[in-house]
Amino acid sequence: KYLDRPSDSVYDFLQYLTAEVEDVEWNVSAEGNRFVEL
């Protein structure tokens, strides 16, 4: 279920989050897509 597009500050945080969770939390990723459980 896609959510509304986030604001700029949330978007910046999500970009940060995608880098932070790499191989830290359970995640499956492919080019341009990431599933992460937090």
PDB file of all heavy atoms in Angstrom:
ATOM      1  N   LYS A   1       0.881  -1.168   0.000  1.00  0.00           N
ATOM      2  CA  LYS A   1       0.000   0.000   0.000  1.00  0.00           C
ATOM      3  C   LYS A   1       0.918   1.216   0.000  1.00  0.00           C
ATOM      4  O   LYS A   1       1.600   1.490   0.990  1.00  0.00           O
ATOM      5  CB  LYS A   1      -0.888   0.023   1.238  1.00  0.00           C
ATOM      6  CG  LYS A   1      -1.748   1.270   1.317  1.00  0.00           C
ATOM      7  CD  LYS A   1      -2.474   1.374   2.639  1.00  0.00           C
ATOM      8  CE  LYS A   1      -3.139   2.734   2.702  1.00  0.00           C
ATOM      9  NZ  LYS A   1      -3.196   3.237   4.043  1.00  0.00           N
ATOM     10  N   TYR A   2       0.973   1.921  -1.119  1.00  0.00           N
ATOM     11  CA  TYR A   2       1.848   3.081  -1.201  1.00  0.00           C
ATOM     12  C   TYR A   2       1.286   4.238  -0.399  1.00  0.00           C
ATOM     13  O   TYR A   2       0.085   4.496  -0.410  1.00  0.00           O
ATOM     14  CB  TYR A   2       2.082   3.490  -2.656  1.00  0.00           C
ATOM     15  CG  TYR A   2       2.997   2.524  -3.361  1.00  0.00           C
ATOM     16  CD1 TYR A   2       2.489   1.547  -4.199  1.00  0.00           C
ATOM     17  CD2 TYR A   2       4.370   2.558  -3.134  1.00  0.00           C
ATOM     18  CE1 TYR A   2       3.332   0.634  -4.822  1.00  0.00           C
ATOM     19  CE2 TYR A   2       5.211   1.652  -3.754  1.00  0.00           C
ATOM     20  CZ  TYR A   2       4.685   0.698  -4.602  1.00  0.00           C
ATOM     21  OH  TYR A   2       5.516  -0.199  -5.207  1.00  0.00           O
ATOM     22  N   LEU A   3       2.155   4.912   0.308  1.00  0.00           N
ATOM     23  CA  LEU A   3       1.798   6.065   1.121  1.00  0.00           C
ATOM     24  C   LEU A   3       1.939   7.332   0.287  1.00  0.00           C
ATOM     25  O   LEU A   3       2.552   7.320  -0.777  1.00  0.00           O
ATOM     26  CB  LEU A   3       2.719   6.140   2.341  1.00  0.00           C
ATOM     27  CG  LEU A   3       2.794   4.873   3.202  1.00  0.00           C
ATOM     28  CD1 LEU A   3       3.872   5.018   4.259  1.00  0.00           C
ATOM     29  CD2 LEU A   3       1.441   4.593   3.835  1.00  0.00           C
ATOM     30  N   ASP A   4       1.399   8.427   0.788  1.00  0.00           N
ATOM     31  CA  ASP A   4       1.597   9.714   0.125  1.00  0.00           C
ATOM     32  C   ASP A   4       3.092  10.025   0.070  1.00  0.00           C
ATOM     33  O   ASP A   4       3.852   9.617   0.959  1.00  0.00           O
ATOM     34  CB  ASP A   4       0.876  10.830   0.883  1.00  0.00           C
ATOM     35  CG  ASP A   4      -0.644  10.680   0.829  1.00  0.00           C
ATOM     36  OD1 ASP A   4      -1.139  10.042  -0.117  1.00  0.00           O
ATOM     37  OD2 ASP A   4      -1.304  11.206   1.740  1.00  0.00           O
ATOM     38  N   ARG A   5       3.491  10.737  -0.950  1.00  0.00           N
ATOM     39  CA  ARG A   5       4.904  11.123  -1.070  1.00  0.00           C
ATOM     40  C   ARG A   5       5.304  11.937   0.158  1.00  0.00           C
ATOM     41  O   ARG A   5       4.568  12.817   0.590  1.00  0.00           O
ATOM     42  CB  ARG A   5       5.130  11.949  -2.330  1.00  0.00           C
ATOM     43  CG  ARG A   5       4.900  11.164  -3.596  1.00  0.00           C
ATOM     44  CD  ARG A   5       6.207  10.773  -4.181  1.00  0.00           C
ATOM     45  NE  ARG A   5       5.996   9.786  -5.236  1.00  0.00           N
ATOM     46  CZ  ARG A   5       6.672   9.773  -6.351  1.00  0.00           C
ATOM     47  NH1 ARG A   5       7.597  10.679  -6.567  1.00  0.00           N
ATOM     48  NH2 ARG A   5       6.452   8.840  -7.240  1.00  0.00           N
ATOM     49  N   PRO A   6       6.477  11.645   0.701  1.00  0.00           N
ATOM     50  CA  PRO A   6       6.894  12.347   1.922  1.00  0.00           C
ATOM     51  C   PRO A   6       7.362  13.771   1.634  1.00  0.00           C
ATOM     52  O   PRO A   6       7.720  14.107   0.507  1.00  0.00           O
ATOM     53  CB  PRO A   6       8.054  11.495   2.432  1.00  0.00           C
ATOM     54  CG  PRO A   6       8.595  10.827   1.213  1.00  0.00           C
ATOM     55  CD  PRO A   6       7.424  10.614   0.296  1.00  0.00           C
ATOM     56  N   SER A   7       7.376  14.575   2.699  1.00  0.00           N
ATOM     57  CA  SER A   7       7.911  15.937   2.603  1.00  0.00           C
ATOM     58  C   SER A   7       9.417  15.871   2.376  1.00  0.00           C
ATOM     59  O   SER A   7      10.028  14.802   2.486  1.00  0.00           O
ATOM     60  CB  SER A   7       7.615  16.698   3.895  1.00  0.00           C
ATOM     61  OG  SER A   7       8.336  16.108   4.971  1.00  0.00           O
ATOM     62  N   ASP A   8      10.012  17.008   2.076  1.00  0.00           N
ATOM     63  CA  ASP A   8      11.456  17.043   1.805  1.00  0.00           C
ATOM     64  C   ASP A   8      12.290  16.524   2.971  1.00  0.00           C
ATOM     65  O   ASP A   8      13.232  15.777   2.778  1.00  0.00           O
ATOM     66  CB  ASP A   8      11.904  18.464   1.448  1.00  0.00           C
ATOM     67  CG  ASP A   8      11.413  18.901   0.071  1.00  0.00           C
ATOM     68  OD1 ASP A   8      11.030  18.027  -0.730  1.00  0.00           O
ATOM     69  OD2 ASP A   8      11.408  20.116  -0.178  1.00  0.00           O
ATOM     70  N   SER A   9      11.932  16.915   4.214  1.00  0.00           N
ATOM     71  CA  SER A   9      12.721  16.474   5.366  1.00  0.00           C
ATOM     72  C   SER A   9      12.605  14.960   5.566  1.00  0.00           C
ATOM     73  O   SER A   9      13.588  14.292   5.886  1.00  0.00           O
ATOM     74  CB  SER A   9      12.310  17.218   6.636  1.00  0.00           C
ATOM     75  OG  SER A   9      10.952  16.983   6.927  1.00  0.00           O
ATOM     76  N   VAL A  10      11.418  14.422   5.361  1.00  0.00           N
ATOM     77  CA  VAL A  10      11.224  12.971   5.491  1.00  0.00           C
ATOM     78  C   VAL A  10      11.947  12.259   4.353  1.00  0.00           C
ATOM     79  O   VAL A  10      12.581  11.221   4.555  1.00  0.00           O
ATOM     80  CB  VAL A  10       9.720  12.610   5.528  1.00  0.00           C
ATOM     81  CG1 VAL A  10       9.526  11.107   5.496  1.00  0.00           C
ATOM     82  CG2 VAL A  10       9.055  13.212   6.754  1.00  0.00           C
ATOM     83  N   TYR A  11      11.874  12.818   3.158  1.00  0.00           N
ATOM     84  CA  TYR A  11      12.564  12.234   2.005  1.00  0.00           C
ATOM     85  C   TYR A  11      14.069  12.157   2.260  1.00  0.00           C
ATOM     86  O   TYR A  11      14.699  11.132   2.004  1.00  0.00           O
ATOM     87  CB  TYR A  11      12.274  13.067   0.758  1.00  0.00           C
ATOM     88  CG  TYR A  11      12.866  12.502  -0.502  1.00  0.00           C
ATOM     89  CD1 TYR A  11      12.210  11.482  -1.197  1.00  0.00           C
ATOM     90  CD2 TYR A  11      14.076  12.969  -1.005  1.00  0.00           C
ATOM     91  CE1 TYR A  11      12.754  10.948  -2.357  1.00  0.00           C
ATOM     92  CE2 TYR A  11      14.622  12.444  -2.163  1.00  0.00           C
ATOM     93  CZ  TYR A  11      13.956  11.434  -2.834  1.00  0.00           C
ATOM     94  OH  TYR A  11      14.492  10.917  -3.969  1.00  0.00           O
ATOM     95  N   ASP A  12      14.647  13.240   2.790  1.00  0.00           N
ATOM     96  CA  ASP A  12      16.080  13.238   3.124  1.00  0.00           C
ATOM     97  C   ASP A  12      16.396  12.156   4.153  1.00  0.00           C
ATOM     98  O   ASP A  12      17.413  11.459   4.050  1.00  0.00           O
ATOM     99  CB  ASP A  12      16.515  14.599   3.665  1.00  0.00           C
ATOM    100  CG  ASP A  12      16.501  15.689   2.610  1.00  0.00           C
ATOM    101  OD1 ASP A  12      16.480  15.361   1.403  1.00  0.00           O
ATOM    102  OD2 ASP A  12      16.508  16.868   3.010  1.00  0.00           O
ATOM    103  N   PHE A  13      15.526  12.015   5.148  1.00  0.00           N
ATOM    104  CA  PHE A  13      15.722  10.991   6.165  1.00  0.00           C
ATOM    105  C   PHE A  13      15.651   9.591   5.556  1.00  0.00           C
ATOM    106  O   PHE A  13      16.458   8.723   5.887  1.00  0.00           O
ATOM    107  CB  PHE A  13      14.691  11.134   7.289  1.00  0.00           C
ATOM    108  CG  PHE A  13      14.688   9.969   8.235  1.00  0.00           C
ATOM    109  CD1 PHE A  13      15.761   9.747   9.085  1.00  0.00           C
ATOM    110  CD2 PHE A  13      13.629   9.076   8.249  1.00  0.00           C
ATOM    111  CE1 PHE A  13      15.778   8.656   9.950  1.00  0.00           C
ATOM    112  CE2 PHE A  13      13.632   7.992   9.103  1.00  0.00           C
ATOM    113  CZ  PHE A  13      14.708   7.785   9.961  1.00  0.00           C
ATOM    114  N   LEU A  14      14.704   9.362   4.648  1.00  0.00           N
ATOM    115  CA  LEU A  14      14.565   8.040   4.029  1.00  0.00           C
ATOM    116  C   LEU A  14      15.781   7.689   3.177  1.00  0.00           C
ATOM    117  O   LEU A  14      16.207   6.537   3.143  1.00  0.00           O
ATOM    118  CB  LEU A  14      13.282   7.965   3.214  1.00  0.00           C
ATOM    119  CG  LEU A  14      11.997   7.953   4.040  1.00  0.00           C
ATOM    120  CD1 LEU A  14      10.785   8.073   3.141  1.00  0.00           C
ATOM    121  CD2 LEU A  14      11.916   6.714   4.909  1.00  0.00           C
ATOM    122  N   GLN A  15      16.358   8.680   2.515  1.00  0.00           N
ATOM    123  CA  GLN A  15      17.593   8.426   1.774  1.00  0.00           C
ATOM    124  C   GLN A  15      18.706   8.029   2.739  1.00  0.00           C
ATOM    125  O   GLN A  15      19.471   7.107   2.471  1.00  0.00           O
ATOM    126  CB  GLN A  15      18.000   9.654   0.970  1.00  0.00           C
ATOM    127  CG  GLN A  15      17.152   9.871  -0.244  1.00  0.00           C
ATOM    128  CD  GLN A  15      17.654  11.038  -1.067  1.00  0.00           C
ATOM    129  OE1 GLN A  15      17.931  12.108  -0.544  1.00  0.00           O
ATOM    130  NE2 GLN A  15      17.773  10.817  -2.361  1.00  0.00           N
ATOM    131  N   TYR A  16      18.805   8.719   3.851  1.00  0.00           N
ATOM    132  CA  TYR A  16      19.773   8.390   4.893  1.00  0.00           C
ATOM    133  C   TYR A  16      19.509   6.981   5.418  1.00  0.00           C
ATOM    134  O   TYR A  16      20.433   6.178   5.565  1.00  0.00           O
ATOM    135  CB  TYR A  16      19.661   9.420   6.021  1.00  0.00           C
ATOM    136  CG  TYR A  16      20.364   9.041   7.287  1.00  0.00           C
ATOM    137  CD1 TYR A  16      21.726   9.306   7.455  1.00  0.00           C
ATOM    138  CD2 TYR A  16      19.676   8.441   8.335  1.00  0.00           C
ATOM    139  CE1 TYR A  16      22.372   8.958   8.629  1.00  0.00           C
ATOM    140  CE2 TYR A  16      20.321   8.099   9.505  1.00  0.00           C
ATOM    141  CZ  TYR A  16      21.667   8.356   9.640  1.00  0.00           C
ATOM    142  OH  TYR A  16      22.299   8.013  10.809  1.00  0.00           O
ATOM    143  N   LEU A  17      18.239   6.671   5.654  1.00  0.00           N
ATOM    144  CA  LEU A  17      17.856   5.373   6.204  1.00  0.00           C
ATOM    145  C   LEU A  17      18.256   4.231   5.270  1.00  0.00           C
ATOM    146  O   LEU A  17      18.747   3.206   5.724  1.00  0.00           O
ATOM    147  CB  LEU A  17      16.358   5.340   6.476  1.00  0.00           C
ATOM    148  CG  LEU A  17      15.806   4.098   7.154  1.00  0.00           C
ATOM    149  CD1 LEU A  17      16.365   3.969   8.563  1.00  0.00           C
ATOM    150  CD2 LEU A  17      14.288   4.157   7.190  1.00  0.00           C
ATOM    151  N   THR A  18      18.063   4.399   3.973  1.00  0.00           N
ATOM    152  CA  THR A  18      18.401   3.322   3.043  1.00  0.00           C
ATOM    153  C   THR A  18      19.884   2.999   3.097  1.00  0.00           C
ATOM    154  O   THR A  18      20.273   1.843   2.979  1.00  0.00           O
ATOM    155  CB  THR A  18      18.001   3.652   1.588  1.00  0.00           C
ATOM    156  OG1 THR A  18      18.669   4.829   1.165  1.00  0.00           O
ATOM    157  CG2 THR A  18      16.515   3.797   1.454  1.00  0.00           C
ATOM    158  N   ALA A  19      20.716   4.002   3.308  1.00  0.00           N
ATOM    159  CA  ALA A  19      22.160   3.760   3.421  1.00  0.00           C
ATOM    160  C   ALA A  19      22.499   3.118   4.764  1.00  0.00           C
ATOM    161  O   ALA A  19      23.345   2.225   4.847  1.00  0.00           O
ATOM    162  CB  ALA A  19      22.922   5.065   3.259  1.00  0.00           C
ATOM    163  N   GLU A  20      21.822   3.546   5.833  1.00  0.00           N
ATOM    164  CA  GLU A  20      22.110   3.054   7.180  1.00  0.00           C
ATOM    165  C   GLU A  20      21.723   1.596   7.384  1.00  0.00           C
ATOM    166  O   GLU A  20      22.379   0.883   8.125  1.00  0.00           O
ATOM    167  CB  GLU A  20      21.384   3.905   8.229  1.00  0.00           C
ATOM    168  CG  GLU A  20      22.026   5.233   8.489  1.00  0.00           C
ATOM    169  CD  GLU A  20      23.446   5.093   8.996  1.00  0.00           C
ATOM    170  OE1 GLU A  20      23.674   4.452  10.029  1.00  0.00           O
ATOM    171  OE2 GLU A  20      24.341   5.640   8.333  1.00  0.00           O
ATOM    172  N   VAL A  21      20.641   1.158   6.771  1.00  0.00           N
ATOM    173  CA  VAL A  21      20.142  -0.185   7.054  1.00  0.00           C
ATOM    174  C   VAL A  21      20.744  -1.257   6.168  1.00  0.00           C
ATOM    175  O   VAL A  21      20.455  -2.427   6.351  1.00  0.00           O
ATOM    176  CB  VAL A  21      18.599  -0.265   6.964  1.00  0.00           C
ATOM    177  CG1 VAL A  21      17.963   0.639   7.989  1.00  0.00           C
ATOM    178  CG2 VAL A  21      18.109   0.029   5.568  1.00  0.00           C
ATOM    179  N   GLU A  22      21.594  -0.874   5.248  1.00  0.00           N
ATOM    180  CA  GLU A  22      22.181  -1.873   4.361  1.00  0.00           C
ATOM    181  C   GLU A  22      22.884  -2.950   5.175  1.00  0.00           C
ATOM    182  O   GLU A  22      23.817  -2.692   5.915  1.00  0.00           O
ATOM    183  CB  GLU A  22      23.169  -1.233   3.399  1.00  0.00           C
ATOM    184  CG  GLU A  22      23.757  -2.230   2.454  1.00  0.00           C
ATOM    185  CD  GLU A  22      23.989  -1.652   1.076  1.00  0.00           C
ATOM    186  OE1 GLU A  22      23.708  -0.482   0.859  1.00  0.00           O
ATOM    187  OE2 GLU A  22      24.453  -2.426   0.254  1.00  0.00           O
ATOM    188  N   ASP A  23      22.382  -4.160   5.053  1.00  0.00           N
ATOM    189  CA  ASP A  23      22.918  -5.334   5.738  1.00  0.00           C
ATOM    190  C   ASP A  23      22.906  -5.233   7.262  1.00  0.00           C
ATOM    191  O   ASP A  23      23.571  -6.005   7.929  1.00  0.00           O
ATOM    192  CB  ASP A  23      24.337  -5.647   5.248  1.00  0.00           C
ATOM    193  CG  ASP A  23      24.362  -5.975   3.771  1.00  0.00           C
ATOM    194  OD1 ASP A  23      23.375  -6.562   3.287  1.00  0.00           O
ATOM    195  OD2 ASP A  23      25.350  -5.653   3.110  1.00  0.00           O
ATOM    196  N   VAL A  24      22.172  -4.268   7.822  1.00  0.00           N
ATOM    197  CA  VAL A  24      22.059  -4.178   9.276  1.00  0.00           C
ATOM    198  C   VAL A  24      20.767  -4.843   9.731  1.00  0.00           C
ATOM    199  O   VAL A  24      20.768  -5.681  10.610  1.00  0.00           O
ATOM    200  CB  VAL A  24      22.085  -2.698   9.741  1.00  0.00           C
ATOM    201  CG1 VAL A  24      21.820  -2.605  11.223  1.00  0.00           C
ATOM    202  CG2 VAL A  24      23.422  -2.076   9.384  1.00  0.00           C
ATOM    203  N   GLU A  25      19.666  -4.475   9.121  1.00  0.00           N
ATOM    204  CA  GLU A  25      18.366  -5.062   9.430  1.00  0.00           C
ATOM    205  C   GLU A  25      18.043  -6.064   8.323  1.00  0.00           C
ATOM    206  O   GLU A  25      18.671  -6.080   7.279  1.00  0.00           O
ATOM    207  CB  GLU A  25      17.282  -3.983   9.470  1.00  0.00           C
ATOM    208  CG  GLU A  25      17.519  -2.907  10.509  1.00  0.00           C
ATOM    209  CD  GLU A  25      17.352  -3.402  11.926  1.00  0.00           C
ATOM    210  OE1 GLU A  25      16.637  -4.406  12.144  1.00  0.00           O
ATOM    211  OE2 GLU A  25      17.941  -2.803  12.821  1.00  0.00           O
ATOM    212  N   TRP A  26      17.005  -6.856   8.545  1.00  0.00           N
ATOM    213  CA  TRP A  26      16.571  -7.775   7.497  1.00  0.00           C
ATOM    214  C   TRP A  26      16.157  -6.936   6.314  1.00  0.00           C
ATOM    215  O   TRP A  26      15.328  -6.063   6.414  1.00  0.00           O
ATOM    216  CB  TRP A  26      15.382  -8.583   7.982  1.00  0.00           C
ATOM    217  CG  TRP A  26      14.920  -9.587   6.988  1.00  0.00           C
ATOM    218  CD1 TRP A  26      15.313 -10.879   6.920  1.00  0.00           C
ATOM    219  CD2 TRP A  26      14.001  -9.402   5.921  1.00  0.00           C
ATOM    220  NE1 TRP A  26      14.696 -11.510   5.876  1.00  0.00           N
ATOM    221  CE2 TRP A  26      13.882 -10.624   5.239  1.00  0.00           C
ATOM    222  CE3 TRP A  26      13.274  -8.322   5.454  1.00  0.00           C
ATOM    223  CZ2 TRP A  26      13.066 -10.799   4.138  1.00  0.00           C
ATOM    224  CZ3 TRP A  26      12.450  -8.486   4.350  1.00  0.00           C
ATOM    225  CH2 TRP A  26      12.357  -9.716   3.709  1.00  0.00           C
ATOM    226  N   ASN A  27      16.769  -7.167   5.180  1.00  0.00           N
ATOM    227  CA  ASN A  27      16.337  -6.440   3.993  1.00  0.00           C
ATOM    228  C   ASN A  27      16.638  -7.240   2.747  1.00  0.00           C
ATOM    229  O   ASN A  27      17.518  -8.083   2.724  1.00  0.00           O
ATOM    230  CB  ASN A  27      16.971  -5.047   3.927  1.00  0.00           C
ATOM    231  CG  ASN A  27      18.455  -5.073   3.639  1.00  0.00           C
ATOM    232  OD1 ASN A  27      18.872  -5.414   2.532  1.00  0.00           O
ATOM    233  ND2 ASN A  27      19.270  -4.719   4.611  1.00  0.00           N
ATOM    234  N   VAL A  28      15.864  -6.974   1.745  1.00  0.00           N
ATOM    235  CA  VAL A  28      16.089  -7.539   0.425  1.00  0.00           C
ATOM    236  C   VAL A  28      16.143  -6.348  -0.502  1.00  0.00           C
ATOM    237  O   VAL A  28      15.281  -5.484  -0.455  1.00  0.00           O
ATOM    238  CB  VAL A  28      14.921  -8.465   0.008  1.00  0.00           C
ATOM    239  CG1 VAL A  28      15.125  -8.967  -1.406  1.00  0.00           C
ATOM    240  CG2 VAL A  28      14.796  -9.624   0.980  1.00  0.00           C
ATOM    241  N   SER A  29      17.165  -6.279  -1.299  1.00  0.00           N
ATOM    242  CA  SER A  29      17.249  -5.115  -2.156  1.00  0.00           C
ATOM    243  C   SER A  29      17.667  -5.502  -3.559  1.00  0.00           C
ATOM    244  O   SER A  29      18.297  -6.517  -3.791  1.00  0.00           O
ATOM    245  CB  SER A  29      18.215  -4.089  -1.575  1.00  0.00           C
ATOM    246  OG  SER A  29      19.446  -4.669  -1.261  1.00  0.00           O
ATOM    247  N   ALA A  30      17.259  -4.678  -4.465  1.00  0.00           N
ATOM    248  CA  ALA A  30      17.655  -4.779  -5.859  1.00  0.00           C
ATOM    249  C   ALA A  30      17.784  -3.345  -6.351  1.00  0.00           C
ATOM    250  O   ALA A  30      17.400  -2.408  -5.648  1.00  0.00           O
ATOM    251  CB  ALA A  30      16.607  -5.544  -6.653  1.00  0.00           C
ATOM    252  N   GLU A  31      18.293  -3.182  -7.509  1.00  0.00           N
ATOM    253  CA  GLU A  31      18.531  -1.838  -8.022  1.00  0.00           C
ATOM    254  C   GLU A  31      17.264  -0.984  -7.954  1.00  0.00           C
ATOM    255  O   GLU A  31      16.257  -1.270  -8.580  1.00  0.00           O
ATOM    256  CB  GLU A  31      19.001  -1.936  -9.468  1.00  0.00           C
ATOM    257  CG  GLU A  31      19.494  -0.628 -10.012  1.00  0.00           C
ATOM    258  CD  GLU A  31      20.118  -0.796 -11.376  1.00  0.00           C
ATOM    259  OE1 GLU A  31      20.902  -1.752 -11.564  1.00  0.00           O
ATOM    260  OE2 GLU A  31      19.806   0.012 -12.241  1.00  0.00           O
ATOM    261  N   GLY A  32      17.320   0.065  -7.148  1.00  0.00           N
ATOM    262  CA  GLY A  32      16.200   0.984  -7.038  1.00  0.00           C
ATOM    263  C   GLY A  32      15.068   0.544  -6.146  1.00  0.00           C
ATOM    264  O   GLY A  32      14.062   1.232  -6.043  1.00  0.00           O
ATOM    265  N   ASN A  33      15.185  -0.595  -5.490  1.00  0.00           N
ATOM    266  CA  ASN A  33      14.138  -1.089  -4.602  1.00  0.00           C
ATOM    267  C   ASN A  33      14.755  -1.672  -3.341  1.00  0.00           C
ATOM    268  O   ASN A  33      15.768  -2.340  -3.398  1.00  0.00           O
ATOM    269  CB  ASN A  33      13.326  -2.200  -5.280  1.00  0.00           C
ATOM    270  CG  ASN A  33      12.422  -1.669  -6.338  1.00  0.00           C
ATOM    271  OD1 ASN A  33      11.387  -1.092  -6.040  1.00  0.00           O
ATOM    272  ND2 ASN A  33      12.814  -1.844  -7.591  1.00  0.00           N
ATOM    273  N   ARG A  34      14.104  -1.424  -2.233  1.00  0.00           N
ATOM    274  CA  ARG A  34      14.565  -2.024  -0.979  1.00  0.00           C
ATOM    275  C   ARG A  34      13.362  -2.308  -0.096  1.00  0.00           C
ATOM    276  O   ARG A  34      12.477  -1.486   0.051  1.00  0.00           O
ATOM    277  CB  ARG A  34      15.509  -1.084  -0.256  1.00  0.00           C
ATOM    278  CG  ARG A  34      15.826  -1.603   1.140  1.00  0.00           C
ATOM    279  CD  ARG A  34      17.106  -1.181   1.696  1.00  0.00           C
ATOM    280  NE  ARG A  34      18.176  -1.625   0.842  1.00  0.00           N
ATOM    281  CZ  ARG A  34      19.359  -1.057   0.820  1.00  0.00           C
ATOM    282  NH1 ARG A  34      19.611  -0.048   1.586  1.00  0.00           N
ATOM    283  NH2 ARG A  34      20.309  -1.503   0.037  1.00  0.00           N
ATOM    284  N   PHE A  35      13.341  -3.496   0.472  1.00  0.00           N
ATOM    285  CA  PHE A  35      12.386  -3.855   1.511  1.00  0.00           C
ATOM    286  C   PHE A  35      13.179  -3.901   2.808  1.00  0.00           C
ATOM    287  O   PHE A  35      14.240  -4.519   2.859  1.00  0.00           O
ATOM    288  CB  PHE A  35      11.781  -5.245   1.256  1.00  0.00           C
ATOM    289  CG  PHE A  35      10.838  -5.284   0.100  1.00  0.00           C
ATOM    290  CD1 PHE A  35      11.292  -5.593  -1.164  1.00  0.00           C
ATOM    291  CD2 PHE A  35       9.495  -5.008   0.283  1.00  0.00           C
ATOM    292  CE1 PHE A  35      10.424  -5.644  -2.230  1.00  0.00           C
ATOM    293  CE2 PHE A  35       8.611  -5.055  -0.776  1.00  0.00           C
ATOM    294  CZ  PHE A  35       9.079  -5.372  -2.040  1.00  0.00           C
ATOM    295  N   VAL A  36      12.674  -3.248   3.820  1.00  0.00           N
ATOM    296  CA  VAL A  36      13.386  -3.252   5.087  1.00  0.00           C
ATOM    297  C   VAL A  36      12.377  -3.351   6.230  1.00  0.00           C
ATOM    298  O   VAL A  36      11.338  -2.700   6.206  1.00  0.00           O
ATOM    299  CB  VAL A  36      14.304  -2.009   5.230  1.00  0.00           C
ATOM    300  CG1 VAL A  36      13.511  -0.730   5.178  1.00  0.00           C
ATOM    301  CG2 VAL A  36      15.135  -2.067   6.480  1.00  0.00           C
ATOM    302  N   GLU A  37      12.672  -4.199   7.180  1.00  0.00           N
ATOM    303  CA  GLU A  37      11.835  -4.353   8.360  1.00  0.00           C
ATOM    304  C   GLU A  37      12.536  -3.668   9.523  1.00  0.00           C
ATOM    305  O   GLU A  37      13.720  -3.917   9.773  1.00  0.00           O
ATOM    306  CB  GLU A  37      11.616  -5.826   8.677  1.00  0.00           C
ATOM    307  CG  GLU A  37      10.672  -6.033   9.848  1.00  0.00           C
ATOM    308  CD  GLU A  37      10.393  -7.495  10.096  1.00  0.00           C
ATOM    309  OE1 GLU A  37      11.293  -8.328   9.841  1.00  0.00           O
ATOM    310  OE2 GLU A  37       9.287  -7.809  10.557  1.00  0.00           O
ATOM    311  N   LEU A  38      11.813  -2.792  10.200  1.00  0.00           N
ATOM    312  CA  LEU A  38      12.395  -2.010  11.286  1.00  0.00           C
ATOM    313  C   LEU A  38      11.497  -2.033  12.516  1.00  0.00           C
ATOM    314  O   LEU A  38      10.272  -2.097  12.409  1.00  0.00           O
ATOM    315  CB  LEU A  38      12.584  -0.545  10.857  1.00  0.00           C
ATOM    316  CG  LEU A  38      13.606  -0.292   9.771  1.00  0.00           C
ATOM    317  CD1 LEU A  38      13.394   1.076   9.169  1.00  0.00           C
ATOM    318  CD2 LEU A  38      15.003  -0.434  10.333  1.00  0.00           C
TER     319      LEU A  38
END
